[in-house]
Amino acid sequence: LRLVGGPERADRPARIPLTTGKVIRICRGDGSCSSSADPLTPQTQPVAATFLNAPTLSASPGLVSRMHAEIWVDDSGSVLLADGGRSSLKESVNGTAVCGELIPPRATFPVPAGAEVEFGAPHLKRPGRCKRPAEFVYQLVRTPSCVAGPPPPPPPPP
């Protein structure tokens, strides 16, 4: 994922790398979520936390939930996203949007190449009551290494 919603800062990395077999957990920047797997649901994939929305840096300190979303690349190379996380009983407070549309909470949702992913979208959850903060907007950029590991070696010379 590449940041498109403003300049990079400590709680808004320019890139969030995605690799097959690793779940990225999107969490509020106060360190309130763990990078360990959810104890209620056995996971076979390692989990890494990416902390966004530090209360001291953001104009909207509650935009990203403590456990906001999970994103991962499956074995077929598809990028999948779950608002609230795959095994969470809760949805994120301000929602997660793909291509400007809120995704269903707690459901696995495919993210197409080139799509914008917005973590914290209160303007879509509460239309007319909230302005679009556009603080944590990322675009899915596909590279060969993010799908299937390193590129294959070149063919042998003739």
N, C-alpha and C. Protein backbone atom coordinates (compact mmCIF):
# COMPACT_ATOMS: atom_id res chain seq x y z
N LEU A 1 0.86 -1.18 0.00
CA LEU A 1 0.00 0.00 0.00
C LEU A 1 0.89 1.23 0.00
N ARG A 2 0.53 2.21 -0.80
CA ARG A 2 1.29 3.46 -0.89
C ARG A 2 0.40 4.61 -0.41
N LEU A 3 0.93 5.45 0.47
CA LEU A 3 0.19 6.59 1.02
C LEU A 3 -0.15 7.59 -0.08
N VAL A 4 -1.41 7.99 -0.15
CA VAL A 4 -1.82 9.05 -1.08
C VAL A 4 -2.57 10.16 -0.36
N GLY A 5 -2.86 9.98 0.94
CA GLY A 5 -3.67 10.94 1.68
C GLY A 5 -2.85 11.87 2.55
N GLY A 6 -1.83 12.50 2.00
CA GLY A 6 -1.05 13.47 2.76
C GLY A 6 0.39 13.05 2.89
N PRO A 7 1.20 13.92 3.50
CA PRO A 7 2.62 13.60 3.63
C PRO A 7 2.88 12.52 4.67
N GLU A 8 3.99 11.83 4.50
CA GLU A 8 4.41 10.82 5.47
C GLU A 8 4.71 11.49 6.80
N ARG A 9 4.41 10.81 7.88
CA ARG A 9 4.80 11.25 9.22
C ARG A 9 4.92 10.01 10.09
N ALA A 10 5.30 10.16 11.34
CA ALA A 10 5.58 9.01 12.20
C ALA A 10 4.41 8.04 12.31
N ASP A 11 3.18 8.55 12.30
CA ASP A 11 2.02 7.67 12.41
C ASP A 11 1.31 7.45 11.08
N ARG A 12 1.98 7.78 9.99
CA ARG A 12 1.40 7.60 8.65
C ARG A 12 2.53 7.24 7.70
N PRO A 13 2.92 5.93 7.68
CA PRO A 13 4.05 5.53 6.84
C PRO A 13 3.74 5.70 5.36
N ALA A 14 4.78 5.99 4.58
CA ALA A 14 4.63 6.17 3.14
C ALA A 14 4.21 4.87 2.47
N ARG A 15 4.62 3.75 3.02
CA ARG A 15 4.27 2.43 2.46
C ARG A 15 3.94 1.46 3.59
N ILE A 16 3.00 0.59 3.31
CA ILE A 16 2.70 -0.55 4.18
C ILE A 16 2.91 -1.77 3.29
N PRO A 17 4.05 -2.47 3.45
CA PRO A 17 4.32 -3.61 2.57
C PRO A 17 3.42 -4.80 2.87
N LEU A 18 2.96 -5.45 1.82
CA LEU A 18 2.13 -6.65 1.94
C LEU A 18 2.87 -7.81 1.31
N THR A 19 2.91 -8.93 2.00
CA THR A 19 3.54 -10.13 1.46
C THR A 19 2.65 -11.33 1.71
N THR A 20 2.74 -12.30 0.82
CA THR A 20 1.95 -13.53 0.96
C THR A 20 2.30 -14.20 2.28
N GLY A 21 1.27 -14.63 2.99
CA GLY A 21 1.47 -15.38 4.22
C GLY A 21 1.63 -14.54 5.47
N LYS A 22 1.47 -13.21 5.37
CA LYS A 22 1.61 -12.36 6.55
C LYS A 22 0.42 -11.41 6.63
N VAL A 23 -0.23 -11.36 7.79
CA VAL A 23 -1.37 -10.49 8.01
C VAL A 23 -0.86 -9.17 8.59
N ILE A 24 -1.34 -8.04 8.05
CA ILE A 24 -1.01 -6.74 8.59
C ILE A 24 -2.24 -6.25 9.35
N ARG A 25 -2.07 -6.01 10.62
CA ARG A 25 -3.14 -5.52 11.48
C ARG A 25 -3.00 -4.00 11.58
N ILE A 26 -4.03 -3.27 11.19
CA ILE A 26 -4.05 -1.81 11.25
C ILE A 26 -4.66 -1.41 12.59
N CYS A 27 -3.88 -0.66 13.38
CA CYS A 27 -4.29 -0.32 14.74
C CYS A 27 -4.05 1.16 15.02
N ARG A 28 -4.73 1.68 16.04
CA ARG A 28 -4.50 3.05 16.47
C ARG A 28 -3.07 3.18 16.99
N GLY A 29 -2.48 4.35 16.78
CA GLY A 29 -1.07 4.59 17.08
C GLY A 29 -0.70 4.67 18.53
N ASP A 30 -1.60 4.36 19.46
CA ASP A 30 -1.22 4.37 20.87
C ASP A 30 -0.69 3.02 21.33
N GLY A 31 -0.49 2.11 20.39
CA GLY A 31 0.07 0.79 20.72
C GLY A 31 -0.92 -0.12 21.41
N SER A 32 -2.22 0.11 21.22
CA SER A 32 -3.23 -0.62 21.96
C SER A 32 -3.61 -1.97 21.36
N CYS A 33 -3.04 -2.34 20.24
CA CYS A 33 -3.33 -3.68 19.71
C CYS A 33 -2.03 -4.45 19.60
N SER A 34 -2.17 -5.72 19.58
CA SER A 34 -1.01 -6.60 19.62
C SER A 34 -0.70 -7.13 18.22
N SER A 35 0.55 -7.47 18.01
CA SER A 35 0.91 -8.11 16.74
C SER A 35 0.80 -9.62 16.85
N SER A 36 0.35 -10.11 18.00
CA SER A 36 0.16 -11.56 18.12
C SER A 36 -1.20 -11.93 17.55
N ALA A 37 -1.36 -13.18 17.22
CA ALA A 37 -2.62 -13.65 16.65
C ALA A 37 -3.72 -13.60 17.70
N ASP A 38 -4.95 -13.49 17.26
CA ASP A 38 -6.10 -13.47 18.14
C ASP A 38 -6.20 -14.81 18.86
N PRO A 39 -6.23 -14.82 20.21
CA PRO A 39 -6.27 -16.09 20.93
C PRO A 39 -7.56 -16.88 20.72
N LEU A 40 -8.63 -16.23 20.27
CA LEU A 40 -9.90 -16.93 20.09
C LEU A 40 -9.96 -17.71 18.79
N THR A 41 -9.16 -17.32 17.84
CA THR A 41 -9.17 -17.98 16.53
C THR A 41 -7.77 -18.39 16.15
N PRO A 42 -7.51 -19.70 16.03
CA PRO A 42 -6.16 -20.11 15.65
C PRO A 42 -5.80 -19.58 14.26
N GLN A 43 -4.67 -18.94 14.14
CA GLN A 43 -4.20 -18.40 12.87
C GLN A 43 -2.96 -19.16 12.44
N THR A 44 -2.85 -19.40 11.17
CA THR A 44 -1.66 -20.08 10.66
C THR A 44 -0.68 -19.09 10.07
N GLN A 45 -1.09 -17.82 9.95
CA GLN A 45 -0.23 -16.81 9.36
C GLN A 45 0.33 -15.90 10.45
N PRO A 46 1.59 -15.46 10.29
CA PRO A 46 2.12 -14.49 11.24
C PRO A 46 1.39 -13.16 11.10
N VAL A 47 1.33 -12.41 12.20
CA VAL A 47 0.62 -11.13 12.23
C VAL A 47 1.62 -10.05 12.59
N ALA A 48 1.57 -8.92 11.86
CA ALA A 48 2.40 -7.76 12.19
C ALA A 48 1.47 -6.56 12.34
N ALA A 49 1.72 -5.74 13.34
CA ALA A 49 0.89 -4.56 13.56
C ALA A 49 1.49 -3.34 12.88
N THR A 50 0.66 -2.54 12.24
CA THR A 50 1.04 -1.24 11.71
C THR A 50 0.20 -0.21 12.45
N PHE A 51 0.86 0.67 13.18
CA PHE A 51 0.16 1.64 14.01
C PHE A 51 -0.01 2.95 13.26
N LEU A 52 -1.26 3.39 13.11
CA LEU A 52 -1.60 4.65 12.47
C LEU A 52 -2.27 5.56 13.50
N ASN A 53 -2.38 6.85 13.19
CA ASN A 53 -3.25 7.75 13.94
C ASN A 53 -2.80 7.98 15.38
N ALA A 54 -1.54 8.35 15.59
CA ALA A 54 -1.06 8.66 16.93
C ALA A 54 -1.82 9.87 17.46
N PRO A 55 -2.36 9.81 18.69
CA PRO A 55 -3.15 10.91 19.22
C PRO A 55 -2.40 12.24 19.27
N THR A 56 -1.10 12.22 19.42
CA THR A 56 -0.33 13.46 19.52
C THR A 56 -0.01 14.08 18.17
N LEU A 57 -0.17 13.34 17.07
CA LEU A 57 0.20 13.84 15.75
C LEU A 57 -0.99 14.14 14.85
N SER A 58 -2.09 13.48 15.06
CA SER A 58 -3.22 13.55 14.15
C SER A 58 -4.18 14.67 14.51
N ALA A 59 -4.77 15.27 13.47
CA ALA A 59 -5.84 16.25 13.67
C ALA A 59 -7.14 15.55 14.08
N SER A 60 -7.23 14.26 13.81
CA SER A 60 -8.41 13.45 14.15
C SER A 60 -7.95 12.24 14.95
N PRO A 61 -7.67 12.39 16.26
CA PRO A 61 -7.03 11.32 17.02
C PRO A 61 -7.81 10.02 17.15
N GLY A 62 -9.12 10.02 16.97
CA GLY A 62 -9.88 8.79 17.09
C GLY A 62 -10.30 8.20 15.76
N LEU A 63 -9.68 8.61 14.68
CA LEU A 63 -10.10 8.19 13.35
C LEU A 63 -9.91 6.69 13.13
N VAL A 64 -8.78 6.16 13.57
CA VAL A 64 -8.48 4.73 13.44
C VAL A 64 -8.77 4.06 14.78
N SER A 65 -9.47 2.93 14.73
CA SER A 65 -9.83 2.21 15.95
C SER A 65 -8.64 1.47 16.54
N ARG A 66 -8.78 1.05 17.80
CA ARG A 66 -7.70 0.29 18.46
C ARG A 66 -7.35 -0.95 17.64
N MET A 67 -8.34 -1.67 17.17
CA MET A 67 -8.14 -2.80 16.26
C MET A 67 -9.01 -2.48 15.05
N HIS A 68 -8.43 -1.83 14.04
CA HIS A 68 -9.24 -1.25 12.97
C HIS A 68 -9.52 -2.22 11.82
N ALA A 69 -8.48 -2.86 11.31
CA ALA A 69 -8.65 -3.74 10.14
C ALA A 69 -7.47 -4.68 10.02
N GLU A 70 -7.64 -5.68 9.20
CA GLU A 70 -6.53 -6.56 8.82
C GLU A 70 -6.50 -6.66 7.30
N ILE A 71 -5.29 -6.71 6.75
CA ILE A 71 -5.12 -6.82 5.31
C ILE A 71 -4.02 -7.85 5.05
N TRP A 72 -4.20 -8.67 4.00
CA TRP A 72 -3.23 -9.72 3.72
C TRP A 72 -3.32 -10.14 2.26
N VAL A 73 -2.30 -10.85 1.81
CA VAL A 73 -2.26 -11.43 0.47
C VAL A 73 -2.44 -12.93 0.65
N ASP A 74 -3.44 -13.50 -0.03
CA ASP A 74 -3.66 -14.94 0.13
C ASP A 74 -2.74 -15.72 -0.81
N ASP A 75 -2.83 -17.04 -0.76
CA ASP A 75 -1.93 -17.89 -1.54
C ASP A 75 -2.09 -17.72 -3.05
N SER A 76 -3.24 -17.23 -3.49
CA SER A 76 -3.45 -17.02 -4.93
C SER A 76 -2.97 -15.65 -5.39
N GLY A 77 -2.50 -14.81 -4.44
CA GLY A 77 -2.02 -13.47 -4.78
C GLY A 77 -3.06 -12.38 -4.65
N SER A 78 -4.28 -12.73 -4.25
CA SER A 78 -5.32 -11.73 -4.05
C SER A 78 -5.09 -10.99 -2.73
N VAL A 79 -5.34 -9.68 -2.74
CA VAL A 79 -5.24 -8.87 -1.52
C VAL A 79 -6.64 -8.81 -0.91
N LEU A 80 -6.72 -9.14 0.38
CA LEU A 80 -8.00 -9.19 1.09
C LEU A 80 -7.94 -8.27 2.30
N LEU A 81 -9.09 -7.74 2.68
CA LEU A 81 -9.20 -6.77 3.76
C LEU A 81 -10.41 -7.12 4.61
N ALA A 82 -10.28 -6.97 5.93
CA ALA A 82 -11.41 -7.19 6.83
C ALA A 82 -11.48 -6.02 7.81
N ASP A 83 -12.56 -5.26 7.77
CA ASP A 83 -12.77 -4.17 8.71
C ASP A 83 -13.03 -4.77 10.09
N GLY A 84 -12.29 -4.32 11.08
CA GLY A 84 -12.41 -4.89 12.42
C GLY A 84 -11.53 -6.11 12.61
N GLY A 85 -11.08 -6.71 11.54
CA GLY A 85 -10.26 -7.93 11.62
C GLY A 85 -11.08 -9.15 11.28
N ARG A 86 -10.39 -10.22 10.92
CA ARG A 86 -11.07 -11.44 10.47
C ARG A 86 -11.82 -12.14 11.57
N SER A 87 -11.32 -12.09 12.79
CA SER A 87 -11.95 -12.85 13.86
C SER A 87 -12.54 -11.95 14.94
N SER A 88 -12.62 -10.66 14.68
CA SER A 88 -13.13 -9.72 15.67
C SER A 88 -14.65 -9.80 15.77
N LEU A 89 -15.15 -9.54 16.95
CA LEU A 89 -16.59 -9.46 17.14
C LEU A 89 -17.08 -8.03 16.94
N LYS A 90 -16.15 -7.09 16.72
CA LYS A 90 -16.50 -5.68 16.56
C LYS A 90 -16.07 -5.18 15.19
N GLU A 91 -16.73 -4.12 14.74
CA GLU A 91 -16.28 -3.42 13.54
C GLU A 91 -15.52 -2.18 13.98
N SER A 92 -14.79 -1.58 13.07
CA SER A 92 -14.10 -0.34 13.42
C SER A 92 -15.15 0.76 13.61
N VAL A 93 -14.82 1.75 14.41
CA VAL A 93 -15.77 2.83 14.71
C VAL A 93 -16.06 3.67 13.47
N ASN A 94 -15.03 4.03 12.71
CA ASN A 94 -15.20 4.94 11.58
C ASN A 94 -15.16 4.26 10.22
N GLY A 95 -15.09 2.95 10.19
CA GLY A 95 -15.18 2.22 8.94
C GLY A 95 -13.91 2.22 8.10
N THR A 96 -13.93 1.36 7.11
CA THR A 96 -12.86 1.22 6.13
C THR A 96 -13.52 1.23 4.76
N ALA A 97 -12.94 2.01 3.83
CA ALA A 97 -13.53 2.12 2.50
C ALA A 97 -12.53 1.63 1.45
N VAL A 98 -13.07 1.03 0.40
CA VAL A 98 -12.30 0.64 -0.79
C VAL A 98 -12.99 1.30 -1.97
N CYS A 99 -12.22 2.08 -2.73
CA CYS A 99 -12.76 2.81 -3.89
C CYS A 99 -13.95 3.69 -3.50
N GLY A 100 -13.88 4.30 -2.31
CA GLY A 100 -14.93 5.23 -1.88
C GLY A 100 -16.19 4.59 -1.34
N GLU A 101 -16.18 3.26 -1.18
CA GLU A 101 -17.36 2.55 -0.66
C GLU A 101 -16.98 1.85 0.64
N LEU A 102 -17.84 2.01 1.66
CA LEU A 102 -17.60 1.29 2.92
C LEU A 102 -17.64 -0.20 2.66
N ILE A 103 -16.71 -0.92 3.29
CA ILE A 103 -16.77 -2.37 3.17
C ILE A 103 -17.58 -2.91 4.34
N PRO A 104 -18.21 -4.06 4.17
CA PRO A 104 -19.00 -4.63 5.27
C PRO A 104 -18.10 -4.97 6.45
N PRO A 105 -18.55 -4.67 7.67
CA PRO A 105 -17.73 -5.01 8.83
C PRO A 105 -17.57 -6.51 9.00
N ARG A 106 -16.38 -6.90 9.42
CA ARG A 106 -16.03 -8.28 9.75
C ARG A 106 -16.12 -9.24 8.57
N ALA A 107 -16.28 -8.75 7.36
CA ALA A 107 -16.33 -9.61 6.18
C ALA A 107 -15.01 -9.50 5.44
N THR A 108 -14.61 -10.57 4.78
CA THR A 108 -13.40 -10.53 3.96
C THR A 108 -13.76 -9.90 2.62
N PHE A 109 -13.02 -8.86 2.25
CA PHE A 109 -13.34 -8.07 1.06
C PHE A 109 -12.13 -8.00 0.15
N PRO A 110 -12.26 -8.30 -1.16
CA PRO A 110 -11.10 -8.22 -2.07
C PRO A 110 -10.76 -6.77 -2.39
N VAL A 111 -9.46 -6.49 -2.52
CA VAL A 111 -8.98 -5.16 -2.88
C VAL A 111 -8.31 -5.26 -4.25
N PRO A 112 -8.90 -4.65 -5.28
CA PRO A 112 -8.30 -4.74 -6.61
C PRO A 112 -7.06 -3.86 -6.73
N ALA A 113 -6.17 -4.22 -7.64
CA ALA A 113 -4.97 -3.41 -7.89
C ALA A 113 -5.39 -2.00 -8.28
N GLY A 114 -4.69 -1.01 -7.73
CA GLY A 114 -4.98 0.39 -8.02
C GLY A 114 -6.04 1.01 -7.14
N ALA A 115 -6.73 0.19 -6.36
CA ALA A 115 -7.81 0.71 -5.51
C ALA A 115 -7.26 1.57 -4.38
N GLU A 116 -8.04 2.58 -3.98
CA GLU A 116 -7.71 3.36 -2.80
C GLU A 116 -8.39 2.72 -1.60
N VAL A 117 -7.61 2.58 -0.51
CA VAL A 117 -8.11 2.03 0.74
C VAL A 117 -8.02 3.15 1.77
N GLU A 118 -9.14 3.44 2.43
CA GLU A 118 -9.18 4.51 3.42
C GLU A 118 -9.50 3.92 4.79
N PHE A 119 -8.57 4.06 5.71
CA PHE A 119 -8.77 3.61 7.08
C PHE A 119 -9.31 4.80 7.87
N GLY A 120 -10.54 4.69 8.34
CA GLY A 120 -11.20 5.80 9.02
C GLY A 120 -11.97 6.62 8.01
N ALA A 121 -13.25 6.30 7.84
CA ALA A 121 -14.08 6.96 6.82
C ALA A 121 -15.41 7.40 7.43
N PRO A 122 -15.38 8.29 8.43
CA PRO A 122 -16.63 8.67 9.10
C PRO A 122 -17.61 9.38 8.17
N HIS A 123 -17.11 10.01 7.12
CA HIS A 123 -17.99 10.70 6.16
C HIS A 123 -18.88 9.72 5.41
N LEU A 124 -18.48 8.46 5.35
CA LEU A 124 -19.30 7.45 4.69
C LEU A 124 -20.22 6.74 5.69
N LYS A 125 -19.77 6.60 6.93
CA LYS A 125 -20.61 5.96 7.96
C LYS A 125 -21.72 6.88 8.43
N ARG A 126 -21.42 8.18 8.46
CA ARG A 126 -22.39 9.17 8.93
C ARG A 126 -22.48 10.31 7.89
N PRO A 127 -23.05 10.02 6.72
CA PRO A 127 -23.09 11.02 5.65
C PRO A 127 -23.76 12.32 6.11
N GLY A 128 -23.16 13.43 5.68
CA GLY A 128 -23.70 14.73 6.01
C GLY A 128 -23.31 15.26 7.37
N ARG A 129 -22.83 14.39 8.25
CA ARG A 129 -22.45 14.83 9.60
C ARG A 129 -20.95 14.98 9.76
N CYS A 130 -20.19 14.38 8.88
CA CYS A 130 -18.73 14.40 9.00
C CYS A 130 -18.10 14.76 7.66
N LYS A 131 -17.01 15.51 7.72
CA LYS A 131 -16.24 15.81 6.52
C LYS A 131 -15.23 14.69 6.30
N ARG A 132 -14.79 14.53 5.06
CA ARG A 132 -13.80 13.50 4.76
C ARG A 132 -12.44 13.93 5.30
N PRO A 133 -11.90 13.20 6.28
CA PRO A 133 -10.59 13.57 6.82
C PRO A 133 -9.44 13.25 5.88
N ALA A 134 -9.56 12.18 5.10
CA ALA A 134 -8.54 11.77 4.12
C ALA A 134 -7.13 11.75 4.70
N GLU A 135 -7.02 11.31 5.95
CA GLU A 135 -5.70 11.24 6.59
C GLU A 135 -4.98 9.93 6.32
N PHE A 136 -5.72 8.86 6.20
CA PHE A 136 -5.10 7.54 6.08
C PHE A 136 -5.63 6.84 4.83
N VAL A 137 -5.31 7.45 3.67
CA VAL A 137 -5.74 6.91 2.38
C VAL A 137 -4.50 6.33 1.70
N TYR A 138 -4.61 5.06 1.31
CA TYR A 138 -3.52 4.34 0.66
C TYR A 138 -4.01 3.78 -0.65
N GLN A 139 -3.10 3.58 -1.59
CA GLN A 139 -3.44 2.95 -2.87
C GLN A 139 -2.70 1.63 -2.98
N LEU A 140 -3.42 0.59 -3.42
CA LEU A 140 -2.80 -0.71 -3.60
C LEU A 140 -1.98 -0.69 -4.89
N VAL A 141 -0.68 -0.82 -4.74
CA VAL A 141 0.23 -0.85 -5.88
C VAL A 141 0.80 -2.25 -5.95
N ARG A 142 0.56 -2.94 -7.06
CA ARG A 142 1.02 -4.32 -7.21
C ARG A 142 2.42 -4.34 -7.80
N THR A 143 3.29 -5.09 -7.17
CA THR A 143 4.62 -5.35 -7.71
C THR A 143 4.81 -6.86 -7.70
N PRO A 144 5.65 -7.39 -8.57
CA PRO A 144 5.84 -8.84 -8.57
C PRO A 144 6.27 -9.37 -7.20
N SER A 145 7.07 -8.63 -6.45
CA SER A 145 7.57 -9.14 -5.18
C SER A 145 6.49 -9.18 -4.11
N CYS A 146 5.41 -8.39 -4.25
CA CYS A 146 4.38 -8.43 -3.21
C CYS A 146 3.42 -9.58 -3.42
N VAL A 147 3.48 -10.23 -4.55
CA VAL A 147 2.55 -11.31 -4.82
C VAL A 147 3.18 -12.68 -4.64
N ALA A 148 4.30 -12.91 -5.22
CA ALA A 148 4.84 -14.26 -5.23
C ALA A 148 6.31 -14.33 -4.82
N GLY A 149 6.77 -13.39 -4.04
CA GLY A 149 8.17 -13.42 -3.63
C GLY A 149 9.06 -12.85 -4.72
N PRO A 150 10.35 -13.18 -4.71
CA PRO A 150 11.26 -12.60 -5.70
C PRO A 150 10.95 -13.11 -7.10
N PRO A 151 11.33 -12.33 -8.12
CA PRO A 151 11.05 -12.76 -9.49
C PRO A 151 11.86 -14.00 -9.83
N PRO A 152 11.39 -14.78 -10.80
CA PRO A 152 12.12 -15.99 -11.18
C PRO A 152 13.45 -15.62 -11.84
N PRO A 153 14.41 -16.54 -11.79
CA PRO A 153 15.69 -16.25 -12.43
C PRO A 153 15.52 -16.18 -13.95
N PRO A 154 16.41 -15.47 -14.63
CA PRO A 154 16.30 -15.39 -16.09
C PRO A 154 16.58 -16.76 -16.72
N PRO A 155 16.04 -16.99 -17.92
CA PRO A 155 16.28 -18.28 -18.57
C PRO A 155 17.77 -18.42 -18.92
N PRO A 156 18.25 -19.64 -19.02
CA PRO A 156 19.66 -19.85 -19.36
C PRO A 156 19.95 -19.36 -20.78
N PRO A 157 21.16 -18.91 -21.02
CA PRO A 157 21.49 -18.45 -22.38
C PRO A 157 21.45 -19.61 -23.38
N PRO A 158 21.13 -19.31 -24.64
CA PRO A 158 21.00 -20.40 -25.65
C PRO A 158 22.33 -21.01 -26.02
